[in-house]
Amino acid sequence: VKLIKEADHVVIMGHRMSDLDAIGSAEGVLRICKICDVPAVIAVRRDATLAGSLIDALCRAGQKDDFIDPKDALPIISKRTLCIVVDTYQVGLVESKDILEKCGKVAVIDHHRRAANYIESAALNFHEPYASSASELVTELLQYLADPTDLLRAESEALLAGIVLDTKNFTMRTGGRTFEAAAFLRRAGADTSDVQRLFQSDLAGMVERYDIIRHAELVHGDIAVAAVEKEIDRVTAAKAADELLTLSGIHASVVLYKHGTGVNLSARSLGEINVQFIMEKLGGGGNSTTAGGQVNDATVDEVRARLLNAIDEYMEE
């Protein structure tokens, strides 16, 4: 709060290809800035986000001015501008490196296990790897600063959506603090059915997910690997990886697919297998249950072979 009140302006941003947790936690931080009476905006590329449904819902609720394109945010930044980064700690993953470099001070709120390339110059580092999500951490901050009635319903639903996403409907990485945060958001007016609608997909998306699942093979008896020789939507790939975990005996899943001249990977786990370690071997990252990566200038077959080697190494370790 002290950092916010010392700033003339605050720019909040998450990671590239922002998801519900990045946008939900950013919206929660924006509410903290409003409580402190300091002007703030969320820098996000609307054409490159996985949280389009949430941003649309917030705009319909009158929060349209909360969002700005990263390139449009640059002219308003000065040395007295505070940048608050949520849901990532890595310099290479932020929505805009230019914003990070131009702001006078930086604060980080994140829940991922720290690896290389982290933001070193942060004036504040609220880093809690045991939290379910960035949205849980921001909700904890709000509990100290605000009453539930101080939050708009759309804001509480944005934060709850972030928690629901990263906990897979409260089945993964949940602790007592997770449920306390969710209870606070429920008292603030979050409607669970409205939150669930943010996760809905259409029939075409469902058909595409099951086409991906059809390509799955078992590795080491409990890891499902689906290699797809075509470009697919990131959200669809992530959902397919999630759905593979619902199959009996599957403890981890990886979906890899073409992306331009390279290959993208989306990995999920029930917790017994650390997919972050596996993805880091291919230059990616994330946390123990949700991770991903991107390999440039490679074919699906080449990346699949590298992935299988990485899994073998992990299992041996």
C-alpha atoms as a PDB file:
ATOM      1  CA  VAL A   1       0.000   0.000   0.000  1.00  0.00           C
ATOM      2  CA  LYS A   2       2.893   2.348   0.829  1.00  0.00           C
ATOM      3  CA  LEU A   3       4.376   1.795  -2.644  1.00  0.00           C
ATOM      4  CA  ILE A   4       1.021   2.483  -4.297  1.00  0.00           C
ATOM      5  CA  LYS A   5       0.448   5.696  -2.330  1.00  0.00           C
ATOM      6  CA  GLU A   6       3.949   6.940  -3.213  1.00  0.00           C
ATOM      7  CA  ALA A   7       3.263   6.495  -6.948  1.00  0.00           C
ATOM      8  CA  ASP A   8       1.643   9.016  -9.293  1.00  0.00           C
ATOM      9  CA  HIS A   9       0.212   6.196 -11.372  1.00  0.00           C
ATOM     10  CA  VAL A  10       0.136   2.384 -11.332  1.00  0.00           C
ATOM     11  CA  VAL A  11       0.346   0.038 -14.322  1.00  0.00           C
ATOM     12  CA  ILE A  12      -0.646  -3.574 -13.591  1.00  0.00           C
ATOM     13  CA  MET A  13       0.174  -6.476 -15.895  1.00  0.00           C
ATOM     14  CA  GLY A  14       0.332 -10.249 -15.897  1.00  0.00           C
ATOM     15  CA  HIS A  15       2.065 -12.683 -18.208  1.00  0.00           C
ATOM     16  CA  ARG A  16       1.815 -12.937 -21.979  1.00  0.00           C
ATOM     17  CA  MET A  17      -1.296 -14.813 -23.149  1.00  0.00           C
ATOM     18  CA  SER A  18      -2.928 -13.757 -19.882  1.00  0.00           C
ATOM     19  CA  ASP A  19      -5.364 -16.211 -18.293  1.00  0.00           C
ATOM     20  CA  LEU A  20      -8.195 -15.878 -15.773  1.00  0.00           C
ATOM     21  CA  ASP A  21      -5.780 -15.842 -12.838  1.00  0.00           C
ATOM     22  CA  ALA A  22      -3.605 -13.097 -14.357  1.00  0.00           C
ATOM     23  CA  ILE A  23      -6.592 -10.868 -15.198  1.00  0.00           C
ATOM     24  CA  GLY A  24      -8.510 -11.730 -12.016  1.00  0.00           C
ATOM     25  CA  SER A  25      -5.565 -10.877  -9.756  1.00  0.00           C
ATOM     26  CA  ALA A  26      -4.830  -7.729 -11.811  1.00  0.00           C
ATOM     27  CA  GLU A  27      -8.428  -6.577 -11.318  1.00  0.00           C
ATOM     28  CA  GLY A  28      -8.080  -7.195  -7.577  1.00  0.00           C
ATOM     29  CA  VAL A  29      -4.888  -5.095  -7.453  1.00  0.00           C
ATOM     30  CA  LEU A  30      -6.729  -2.366  -9.372  1.00  0.00           C
ATOM     31  CA  ARG A  31      -9.363  -2.299  -6.601  1.00  0.00           C
ATOM     32  CA  ILE A  32      -6.561  -1.857  -4.033  1.00  0.00           C
ATOM     33  CA  CYS A  33      -5.280   1.120  -6.073  1.00  0.00           C
ATOM     34  CA  LYS A  34      -8.806   2.599  -6.113  1.00  0.00           C
ATOM     35  CA  ILE A  35      -9.018   2.184  -2.328  1.00  0.00           C
ATOM     36  CA  CYS A  36      -5.706   4.099  -2.101  1.00  0.00           C
ATOM     37  CA  ASP A  37      -7.107   6.722  -4.518  1.00  0.00           C
ATOM     38  CA  VAL A  38      -4.228   6.260  -6.981  1.00  0.00           C
ATOM     39  CA  PRO A  39      -5.019   6.066 -10.739  1.00  0.00           C
ATOM     40  CA  ALA A  40      -4.262   2.658 -12.238  1.00  0.00           C
ATOM     41  CA  VAL A  41      -4.731   0.612 -15.416  1.00  0.00           C
ATOM     42  CA  ILE A  42      -4.260  -3.003 -16.467  1.00  0.00           C
ATOM     43  CA  ALA A  43      -1.997  -3.432 -19.500  1.00  0.00           C
ATOM     44  CA  VAL A  44      -3.202  -6.370 -21.587  1.00  0.00           C
ATOM     45  CA  ARG A  45      -3.275  -7.292 -25.246  1.00  0.00           C
ATOM     46  CA  ARG A  46      -6.927  -8.000 -25.948  1.00  0.00           C
ATOM     47  CA  ASP A  47      -5.986  -9.871 -29.143  1.00  0.00           C
ATOM     48  CA  ALA A  48      -3.638 -12.230 -27.271  1.00  0.00           C
ATOM     49  CA  THR A  49      -5.350 -13.362 -24.071  1.00  0.00           C
ATOM     50  CA  LEU A  50      -6.964 -16.536 -22.756  1.00  0.00           C
ATOM     51  CA  ALA A  51      -9.241 -14.450 -20.528  1.00  0.00           C
ATOM     52  CA  GLY A  52     -11.368 -12.769 -23.181  1.00  0.00           C
ATOM     53  CA  SER A  53     -14.602 -13.928 -21.535  1.00  0.00           C
ATOM     54  CA  LEU A  54     -13.592 -12.337 -18.222  1.00  0.00           C
ATOM     55  CA  ILE A  55     -12.428  -9.055 -19.779  1.00  0.00           C
ATOM     56  CA  ASP A  56     -15.706  -8.849 -21.721  1.00  0.00           C
ATOM     57  CA  ALA A  57     -17.685  -9.483 -18.519  1.00  0.00           C
ATOM     58  CA  LEU A  58     -15.763  -6.753 -16.675  1.00  0.00           C
ATOM     59  CA  CYS A  59     -16.306  -4.305 -19.544  1.00  0.00           C
ATOM     60  CA  ARG A  60     -20.050  -5.047 -19.501  1.00  0.00           C
ATOM     61  CA  ALA A  61     -19.990  -4.306 -15.765  1.00  0.00           C
ATOM     62  CA  GLY A  62     -18.631  -0.818 -16.447  1.00  0.00           C
ATOM     63  CA  GLN A  63     -14.925  -1.534 -16.007  1.00  0.00           C
ATOM     64  CA  LYS A  64     -13.926  -0.816 -19.630  1.00  0.00           C
ATOM     65  CA  ASP A  65     -11.524   1.952 -18.570  1.00  0.00           C
ATOM     66  CA  ASP A  66      -9.575  -0.541 -16.438  1.00  0.00           C
ATOM     67  CA  PHE A  67      -7.820  -1.944 -19.513  1.00  0.00           C
ATOM     68  CA  ILE A  68      -5.245  -0.444 -21.855  1.00  0.00           C
ATOM     69  CA  ASP A  69      -3.068  -1.854 -24.641  1.00  0.00           C
ATOM     70  CA  PRO A  70       0.584  -2.097 -23.493  1.00  0.00           C
ATOM     71  CA  LYS A  71       1.822   0.209 -26.258  1.00  0.00           C
ATOM     72  CA  ASP A  72      -0.775   2.840 -25.276  1.00  0.00           C
ATOM     73  CA  ALA A  73       0.382   2.655 -21.656  1.00  0.00           C
ATOM     74  CA  LEU A  74       3.976   3.665 -22.449  1.00  0.00           C
ATOM     75  CA  PRO A  75       3.304   7.434 -22.914  1.00  0.00           C
ATOM     76  CA  ILE A  76       1.708   7.730 -19.447  1.00  0.00           C
ATOM     77  CA  ILE A  77       4.649   6.101 -17.638  1.00  0.00           C
ATOM     78  CA  SER A  78       7.210   8.137 -15.703  1.00  0.00           C
ATOM     79  CA  LYS A  79       9.825   7.441 -13.028  1.00  0.00           C
ATOM     80  CA  ARG A  80       7.062   7.916 -10.450  1.00  0.00           C
ATOM     81  CA  THR A  81       4.980   5.137 -12.016  1.00  0.00           C
ATOM     82  CA  LEU A  82       4.721   1.848 -10.126  1.00  0.00           C
ATOM     83  CA  CYS A  83       4.464  -1.365 -12.160  1.00  0.00           C
ATOM     84  CA  ILE A  84       2.752  -4.261 -10.362  1.00  0.00           C
ATOM     85  CA  VAL A  85       3.380  -7.640 -12.011  1.00  0.00           C
ATOM     86  CA  VAL A  86       0.950 -10.450 -11.152  1.00  0.00           C
ATOM     87  CA  ASP A  87       0.983 -14.214 -11.826  1.00  0.00           C
ATOM     88  CA  THR A  88       4.577 -14.332 -13.084  1.00  0.00           C
ATOM     89  CA  TYR A  89       8.019 -13.473 -11.762  1.00  0.00           C
ATOM     90  CA  GLN A  90       9.933 -13.998 -15.030  1.00  0.00           C
ATOM     91  CA  VAL A  91      11.183 -11.044 -17.070  1.00  0.00           C
ATOM     92  CA  GLY A  92      10.721 -12.997 -20.298  1.00  0.00           C
ATOM     93  CA  LEU A  93       7.065 -13.786 -19.634  1.00  0.00           C
ATOM     94  CA  VAL A  94       5.608 -10.374 -18.734  1.00  0.00           C
ATOM     95  CA  GLU A  95       3.004  -8.746 -20.985  1.00  0.00           C
ATOM     96  CA  SER A  96       5.430  -5.929 -21.845  1.00  0.00           C
ATOM     97  CA  LYS A  97       9.175  -5.684 -21.116  1.00  0.00           C
ATOM     98  CA  ASP A  98       9.047  -2.022 -22.178  1.00  0.00           C
ATOM     99  CA  ILE A  99       6.619  -1.207 -19.367  1.00  0.00           C
ATOM    100  CA  LEU A 100       8.788  -3.105 -16.882  1.00  0.00           C
ATOM    101  CA  GLU A 101      11.914  -1.161 -17.885  1.00  0.00           C
ATOM    102  CA  LYS A 102      10.259   2.270 -18.059  1.00  0.00           C
ATOM    103  CA  CYS A 103       8.493   2.267 -14.670  1.00  0.00           C
ATOM    104  CA  GLY A 104      10.382   3.753 -11.701  1.00  0.00           C
ATOM    105  CA  LYS A 105       9.491   0.924  -9.294  1.00  0.00           C
ATOM    106  CA  VAL A 106       8.264  -2.656  -9.678  1.00  0.00           C
ATOM    107  CA  ALA A 107       6.313  -4.925  -7.320  1.00  0.00           C
ATOM    108  CA  VAL A 108       5.686  -8.641  -7.945  1.00  0.00           C
ATOM    109  CA  ILE A 109       2.798 -10.817  -6.697  1.00  0.00           C
ATOM    110  CA  ASP A 110       3.217 -14.448  -7.732  1.00  0.00           C
ATOM    111  CA  HIS A 111       2.714 -18.057  -6.665  1.00  0.00           C
ATOM    112  CA  HIS A 112       4.994 -19.979  -9.062  1.00  0.00           C
ATOM    113  CA  ARG A 113       8.128 -21.753  -7.846  1.00  0.00           C
ATOM    114  CA  ARG A 114      11.073 -19.491  -8.557  1.00  0.00           C
ATOM    115  CA  ALA A 115      13.546 -20.483 -11.267  1.00  0.00           C
ATOM    116  CA  ALA A 116      15.944 -18.463 -13.419  1.00  0.00           C
ATOM    117  CA  ASN A 117      15.287 -15.110 -15.104  1.00  0.00           C
ATOM    118  CA  TYR A 118      13.235 -13.630 -12.265  1.00  0.00           C
ATOM    119  CA  ILE A 119      12.610  -9.882 -11.871  1.00  0.00           C
ATOM    120  CA  GLU A 120      15.567  -8.820  -9.714  1.00  0.00           C
ATOM    121  CA  SER A 121      14.845  -5.110  -9.289  1.00  0.00           C
ATOM    122  CA  ALA A 122      11.500  -5.483  -7.482  1.00  0.00           C
ATOM    123  CA  ALA A 123      10.890  -3.063  -4.597  1.00  0.00           C
ATOM    124  CA  LEU A 124       8.371  -5.603  -3.229  1.00  0.00           C
ATOM    125  CA  ASN A 125       8.237  -9.332  -3.844  1.00  0.00           C
ATOM    126  CA  PHE A 126       5.082 -11.015  -2.514  1.00  0.00           C
ATOM    127  CA  HIS A 127       6.033 -14.536  -3.558  1.00  0.00           C
ATOM    128  CA  GLU A 128       4.192 -17.493  -2.025  1.00  0.00           C
ATOM    129  CA  PRO A 129       4.688 -20.804  -3.915  1.00  0.00           C
ATOM    130  CA  TYR A 130       2.271 -22.616  -1.598  1.00  0.00           C
ATOM    131  CA  ALA A 131      -0.662 -20.399  -2.596  1.00  0.00           C
ATOM    132  CA  SER A 132      -3.096 -21.788  -5.138  1.00  0.00           C
ATOM    133  CA  SER A 133      -3.039 -18.719  -7.359  1.00  0.00           C
ATOM    134  CA  ALA A 134      -2.140 -15.056  -7.681  1.00  0.00           C
ATOM    135  CA  SER A 135      -5.844 -14.332  -7.188  1.00  0.00           C
ATOM    136  CA  GLU A 136      -5.718 -16.008  -3.755  1.00  0.00           C
ATOM    137  CA  LEU A 137      -2.761 -13.806  -2.737  1.00  0.00           C
ATOM    138  CA  VAL A 138      -4.482 -10.613  -3.923  1.00  0.00           C
ATOM    139  CA  THR A 139      -7.704 -11.620  -2.138  1.00  0.00           C
ATOM    140  CA  GLU A 140      -5.680 -12.018   1.080  1.00  0.00           C
ATOM    141  CA  LEU A 141      -4.387  -8.470   0.650  1.00  0.00           C
ATOM    142  CA  LEU A 142      -7.921  -7.199   0.055  1.00  0.00           C
ATOM    143  CA  GLN A 143      -9.132  -8.868   3.258  1.00  0.00           C
ATOM    144  CA  TYR A 144      -6.777  -6.591   5.226  1.00  0.00           C
ATOM    145  CA  LEU A 145      -7.731  -3.451   3.299  1.00  0.00           C
ATOM    146  CA  ALA A 146     -11.436  -3.730   2.506  1.00  0.00           C
ATOM    147  CA  ASP A 147     -14.790  -5.066   3.591  1.00  0.00           C
ATOM    148  CA  PRO A 148     -16.535  -7.493   1.222  1.00  0.00           C
ATOM    149  CA  THR A 149     -19.012  -4.709   0.407  1.00  0.00           C
ATOM    150  CA  ASP A 150     -16.159  -2.562  -0.967  1.00  0.00           C
ATOM    151  CA  LEU A 151     -15.718  -4.915  -3.943  1.00  0.00           C
ATOM    152  CA  LEU A 152     -17.880  -4.863  -7.037  1.00  0.00           C
ATOM    153  CA  ARG A 153     -19.517  -8.187  -7.818  1.00  0.00           C
ATOM    154  CA  ALA A 154     -17.624  -8.334 -11.148  1.00  0.00           C
ATOM    155  CA  GLU A 155     -14.311  -7.868  -9.300  1.00  0.00           C
ATOM    156  CA  SER A 156     -15.048 -10.619  -6.774  1.00  0.00           C
ATOM    157  CA  GLU A 157     -16.055 -12.969  -9.607  1.00  0.00           C
ATOM    158  CA  ALA A 158     -12.840 -12.151 -11.497  1.00  0.00           C
ATOM    159  CA  LEU A 159     -10.763 -13.135  -8.462  1.00  0.00           C
ATOM    160  CA  LEU A 160     -12.817 -16.269  -7.825  1.00  0.00           C
ATOM    161  CA  ALA A 161     -12.428 -17.274 -11.494  1.00  0.00           C
ATOM    162  CA  GLY A 162      -8.643 -17.052 -11.076  1.00  0.00           C
ATOM    163  CA  ILE A 163      -8.755 -19.325  -8.034  1.00  0.00           C
ATOM    164  CA  VAL A 164     -11.126 -21.797  -9.738  1.00  0.00           C
ATOM    165  CA  LEU A 165      -8.826 -21.967 -12.794  1.00  0.00           C
ATOM    166  CA  ASP A 166      -5.602 -22.662 -10.932  1.00  0.00           C
ATOM    167  CA  THR A 167      -7.164 -25.094  -8.441  1.00  0.00           C
ATOM    168  CA  LYS A 168      -9.160 -26.931 -11.134  1.00  0.00           C
ATOM    169  CA  ASN A 169     -12.422 -26.325  -9.279  1.00  0.00           C
ATOM    170  CA  PHE A 170     -10.803 -26.568  -5.813  1.00  0.00           C
ATOM    171  CA  THR A 171      -9.343 -30.021  -6.427  1.00  0.00           C
ATOM    172  CA  MET A 172      -5.647 -29.042  -6.745  1.00  0.00           C
ATOM    173  CA  ARG A 173      -3.211 -26.935  -4.682  1.00  0.00           C
ATOM    174  CA  THR A 174      -5.903 -25.907  -2.203  1.00  0.00           C
ATOM    175  CA  GLY A 175      -5.306 -25.106   1.464  1.00  0.00           C
ATOM    176  CA  GLY A 176      -7.331 -23.543   4.238  1.00  0.00           C
ATOM    177  CA  ARG A 177      -6.334 -20.077   3.007  1.00  0.00           C
ATOM    178  CA  THR A 178      -7.760 -20.894  -0.429  1.00  0.00           C
ATOM    179  CA  PHE A 179     -11.209 -21.586   0.992  1.00  0.00           C
ATOM    180  CA  GLU A 180     -11.003 -18.536   3.277  1.00  0.00           C
ATOM    181  CA  ALA A 181     -10.282 -16.375   0.230  1.00  0.00           C
ATOM    182  CA  ALA A 182     -13.169 -17.959  -1.683  1.00  0.00           C
ATOM    183  CA  ALA A 183     -15.522 -17.383   1.286  1.00  0.00           C
ATOM    184  CA  PHE A 184     -14.526 -13.698   1.385  1.00  0.00           C
ATOM    185  CA  LEU A 185     -15.247 -13.375  -2.358  1.00  0.00           C
ATOM    186  CA  ARG A 186     -18.590 -15.151  -1.933  1.00  0.00           C
ATOM    187  CA  ARG A 187     -19.513 -12.620   0.774  1.00  0.00           C
ATOM    188  CA  ALA A 188     -18.453  -9.901  -1.673  1.00  0.00           C
ATOM    189  CA  GLY A 189     -21.158 -11.094  -4.057  1.00  0.00           C
ATOM    190  CA  ALA A 190     -19.369 -13.556  -6.353  1.00  0.00           C
ATOM    191  CA  ASP A 191     -21.919 -15.820  -8.047  1.00  0.00           C
ATOM    192  CA  THR A 192     -20.463 -19.280  -8.615  1.00  0.00           C
ATOM    193  CA  SER A 193     -22.743 -20.001 -11.593  1.00  0.00           C
ATOM    194  CA  ASP A 194     -21.594 -16.793 -13.310  1.00  0.00           C
ATOM    195  CA  VAL A 195     -17.981 -17.738 -12.642  1.00  0.00           C
ATOM    196  CA  GLN A 196     -18.584 -21.180 -14.167  1.00  0.00           C
ATOM    197  CA  ARG A 197     -19.948 -19.564 -17.342  1.00  0.00           C
ATOM    198  CA  LEU A 198     -16.545 -17.945 -17.893  1.00  0.00           C
ATOM    199  CA  PHE A 199     -15.190 -21.460 -18.473  1.00  0.00           C
ATOM    200  CA  GLN A 200     -17.797 -22.552 -21.024  1.00  0.00           C
ATOM    201  CA  SER A 201     -16.787 -23.442 -24.571  1.00  0.00           C
ATOM    202  CA  ASP A 202     -18.776 -24.122 -27.715  1.00  0.00           C
ATOM    203  CA  LEU A 203     -19.499 -27.438 -29.470  1.00  0.00           C
ATOM    204  CA  ALA A 204     -16.698 -26.942 -32.014  1.00  0.00           C
ATOM    205  CA  GLY A 205     -14.210 -26.519 -29.167  1.00  0.00           C
ATOM    206  CA  MET A 206     -15.411 -29.723 -27.506  1.00  0.00           C
ATOM    207  CA  VAL A 207     -15.080 -31.688 -30.757  1.00  0.00           C
ATOM    208  CA  GLU A 208     -11.541 -30.341 -31.224  1.00  0.00           C
ATOM    209  CA  ARG A 209     -10.582 -31.295 -27.658  1.00  0.00           C
ATOM    210  CA  TYR A 210     -11.698 -34.869 -28.160  1.00  0.00           C
ATOM    211  CA  ASP A 211      -9.800 -35.004 -31.445  1.00  0.00           C
ATOM    212  CA  ILE A 212      -6.652 -34.084 -29.485  1.00  0.00           C
ATOM    213  CA  ILE A 213      -7.397 -36.687 -26.799  1.00  0.00           C
ATOM    214  CA  ARG A 214      -7.727 -39.286 -29.571  1.00  0.00           C
ATOM    215  CA  HIS A 215      -4.000 -38.805 -30.319  1.00  0.00           C
ATOM    216  CA  ALA A 216      -2.917 -39.566 -26.731  1.00  0.00           C
ATOM    217  CA  GLU A 217      -0.400 -42.295 -25.909  1.00  0.00           C
ATOM    218  CA  LEU A 218       0.643 -43.607 -22.499  1.00  0.00           C
ATOM    219  CA  VAL A 219       4.209 -43.035 -21.309  1.00  0.00           C
ATOM    220  CA  HIS A 220       5.575 -44.737 -18.175  1.00  0.00           C
ATOM    221  CA  GLY A 221       2.079 -46.085 -17.584  1.00  0.00           C
ATOM    222  CA  ASP A 222       0.565 -42.922 -16.122  1.00  0.00           C
ATOM    223  CA  ILE A 223       1.573 -39.969 -18.339  1.00  0.00           C
ATOM    224  CA  ALA A 224      -0.605 -39.162 -21.364  1.00  0.00           C
ATOM    225  CA  VAL A 225       1.170 -37.458 -24.278  1.00  0.00           C
ATOM    226  CA  ALA A 226      -0.878 -36.145 -27.211  1.00  0.00           C
ATOM    227  CA  ALA A 227       1.128 -34.873 -30.215  1.00  0.00           C
ATOM    228  CA  VAL A 228      -0.973 -33.039 -32.815  1.00  0.00           C
ATOM    229  CA  GLU A 229       0.378 -32.158 -36.270  1.00  0.00           C
ATOM    230  CA  LYS A 230      -1.700 -28.988 -36.678  1.00  0.00           C
ATOM    231  CA  GLU A 231      -2.183 -25.541 -35.153  1.00  0.00           C
ATOM    232  CA  ILE A 232      -4.814 -25.439 -32.432  1.00  0.00           C
ATOM    233  CA  ASP A 233      -6.045 -22.824 -29.999  1.00  0.00           C
ATOM    234  CA  ARG A 234      -4.053 -22.528 -26.736  1.00  0.00           C
ATOM    235  CA  VAL A 235      -7.215 -22.686 -24.635  1.00  0.00           C
ATOM    236  CA  THR A 236      -8.357 -25.846 -26.430  1.00  0.00           C
ATOM    237  CA  ALA A 237      -4.961 -27.488 -25.877  1.00  0.00           C
ATOM    238  CA  ALA A 238      -4.976 -26.575 -22.173  1.00  0.00           C
ATOM    239  CA  LYS A 239      -8.519 -27.899 -21.725  1.00  0.00           C
ATOM    240  CA  ALA A 240      -7.604 -31.134 -23.520  1.00  0.00           C
ATOM    241  CA  ALA A 241      -4.637 -31.561 -21.150  1.00  0.00           C
ATOM    242  CA  ASP A 242      -7.011 -31.020 -18.209  1.00  0.00           C
ATOM    243  CA  GLU A 243      -9.521 -33.542 -19.548  1.00  0.00           C
ATOM    244  CA  LEU A 244      -6.832 -36.195 -20.005  1.00  0.00           C
ATOM    245  CA  LEU A 245      -6.335 -36.025 -16.219  1.00  0.00           C
ATOM    246  CA  THR A 246      -9.930 -37.136 -15.675  1.00  0.00           C
ATOM    247  CA  LEU A 247      -9.063 -40.556 -17.151  1.00  0.00           C
ATOM    248  CA  SER A 248      -8.443 -43.351 -14.655  1.00  0.00           C
ATOM    249  CA  GLY A 249      -4.760 -44.000 -13.958  1.00  0.00           C
ATOM    250  CA  ILE A 250      -3.485 -40.787 -15.608  1.00  0.00           C
ATOM    251  CA  HIS A 251      -1.330 -38.676 -13.255  1.00  0.00           C
ATOM    252  CA  ALA A 252       0.049 -36.190 -15.787  1.00  0.00           C
ATOM    253  CA  SER A 253      -0.635 -35.063 -19.349  1.00  0.00           C
ATOM    254  CA  VAL A 254       1.150 -33.107 -22.072  1.00  0.00           C
ATOM    255  CA  VAL A 255      -0.379 -31.769 -25.295  1.00  0.00           C
ATOM    256  CA  LEU A 256       2.025 -30.564 -27.988  1.00  0.00           C
ATOM    257  CA  TYR A 257       0.981 -28.927 -31.228  1.00  0.00           C
ATOM    258  CA  LYS A 258       2.252 -26.847 -34.133  1.00  0.00           C
ATOM    259  CA  HIS A 259       2.590 -23.094 -33.614  1.00  0.00           C
ATOM    260  CA  GLY A 260       4.005 -21.247 -36.610  1.00  0.00           C
ATOM    261  CA  THR A 261       7.434 -22.730 -37.321  1.00  0.00           C
ATOM    262  CA  GLY A 262       7.661 -24.165 -33.826  1.00  0.00           C
ATOM    263  CA  VAL A 263       5.762 -26.225 -31.289  1.00  0.00           C
ATOM    264  CA  ASN A 264       3.802 -25.271 -28.154  1.00  0.00           C
ATOM    265  CA  LEU A 265       3.335 -27.526 -25.136  1.00  0.00           C
ATOM    266  CA  SER A 266       0.665 -27.555 -22.436  1.00  0.00           C
ATOM    267  CA  ALA A 267       1.280 -29.794 -19.410  1.00  0.00           C
ATOM    268  CA  ARG A 268      -0.920 -30.708 -16.437  1.00  0.00           C
ATOM    269  CA  SER A 269      -0.519 -32.929 -13.385  1.00  0.00           C
ATOM    270  CA  LEU A 270      -2.498 -34.178 -10.397  1.00  0.00           C
ATOM    271  CA  GLY A 271       0.502 -33.340  -8.199  1.00  0.00           C
ATOM    272  CA  GLU A 272       2.431 -36.600  -7.984  1.00  0.00           C
ATOM    273  CA  ILE A 273       4.464 -35.726 -11.091  1.00  0.00           C
ATOM    274  CA  ASN A 274       6.076 -32.270 -11.276  1.00  0.00           C
ATOM    275  CA  VAL A 275       5.400 -31.069 -14.824  1.00  0.00           C
ATOM    276  CA  GLN A 276       7.332 -27.849 -14.191  1.00  0.00           C
ATOM    277  CA  PHE A 277      10.587 -29.840 -13.954  1.00  0.00           C
ATOM    278  CA  ILE A 278       9.761 -31.623 -17.220  1.00  0.00           C
ATOM    279  CA  MET A 279       8.863 -28.394 -19.061  1.00  0.00           C
ATOM    280  CA  GLU A 280      12.006 -26.631 -17.781  1.00  0.00           C
ATOM    281  CA  LYS A 281      14.062 -29.273 -19.599  1.00  0.00           C
ATOM    282  CA  LEU A 282      12.483 -27.939 -22.825  1.00  0.00           C
ATOM    283  CA  GLY A 283      12.915 -24.264 -21.938  1.00  0.00           C
ATOM    284  CA  GLY A 284       9.432 -23.821 -20.481  1.00  0.00           C
ATOM    285  CA  GLY A 285       8.127 -23.359 -16.957  1.00  0.00           C
ATOM    286  CA  GLY A 286       5.111 -22.968 -14.709  1.00  0.00           C
ATOM    287  CA  ASN A 287       4.344 -24.757 -11.463  1.00  0.00           C
ATOM    288  CA  SER A 288       4.204 -28.378 -10.351  1.00  0.00           C
ATOM    289  CA  THR A 289       0.667 -28.991 -11.654  1.00  0.00           C
ATOM    290  CA  THR A 290       0.364 -26.512 -14.535  1.00  0.00           C
ATOM    291  CA  ALA A 291       3.200 -25.787 -16.943  1.00  0.00           C
ATOM    292  CA  GLY A 292       3.939 -25.129 -20.589  1.00  0.00           C
ATOM    293  CA  GLY A 293       6.578 -24.240 -23.105  1.00  0.00           C
ATOM    294  CA  GLN A 294       7.397 -23.211 -26.635  1.00  0.00           C
ATOM    295  CA  VAL A 295      10.111 -24.636 -28.873  1.00  0.00           C
ATOM    296  CA  ASN A 296      10.993 -22.519 -31.900  1.00  0.00           C
ATOM    297  CA  ASP A 297      11.955 -23.858 -35.338  1.00  0.00           C
ATOM    298  CA  ALA A 298      11.172 -27.505 -34.635  1.00  0.00           C
ATOM    299  CA  THR A 299       8.737 -30.147 -35.817  1.00  0.00           C
ATOM    300  CA  VAL A 300       6.144 -31.890 -33.647  1.00  0.00           C
ATOM    301  CA  ASP A 301       8.047 -35.197 -34.002  1.00  0.00           C
ATOM    302  CA  GLU A 302      11.331 -33.579 -32.892  1.00  0.00           C
ATOM    303  CA  VAL A 303       9.741 -31.977 -29.840  1.00  0.00           C
ATOM    304  CA  ARG A 304       7.871 -35.173 -28.987  1.00  0.00           C
ATOM    305  CA  ALA A 305      11.203 -37.056 -28.981  1.00  0.00           C
ATOM    306  CA  ARG A 306      12.764 -34.371 -26.740  1.00  0.00           C
ATOM    307  CA  LEU A 307       9.724 -34.505 -24.450  1.00  0.00           C
ATOM    308  CA  LEU A 308       9.933 -38.287 -24.076  1.00  0.00           C
ATOM    309  CA  ASN A 309      13.642 -37.948 -23.199  1.00  0.00           C
ATOM    310  CA  ALA A 310      12.809 -35.241 -20.649  1.00  0.00           C
ATOM    311  CA  ILE A 311      10.145 -37.488 -19.078  1.00  0.00           C
ATOM    312  CA  ASP A 312      12.624 -40.410 -18.957  1.00  0.00           C
ATOM    313  CA  GLU A 313      15.215 -38.169 -17.241  1.00  0.00           C
ATOM    314  CA  TYR A 314      12.648 -36.903 -14.751  1.00  0.00           C
ATOM    315  CA  MET A 315      11.465 -40.408 -13.873  1.00  0.00           C
ATOM    316  CA  GLU A 316      15.078 -41.563 -13.388  1.00  0.00           C
ATOM    317  CA  GLU A 317      15.808 -38.583 -11.130  1.00  0.00           C
END
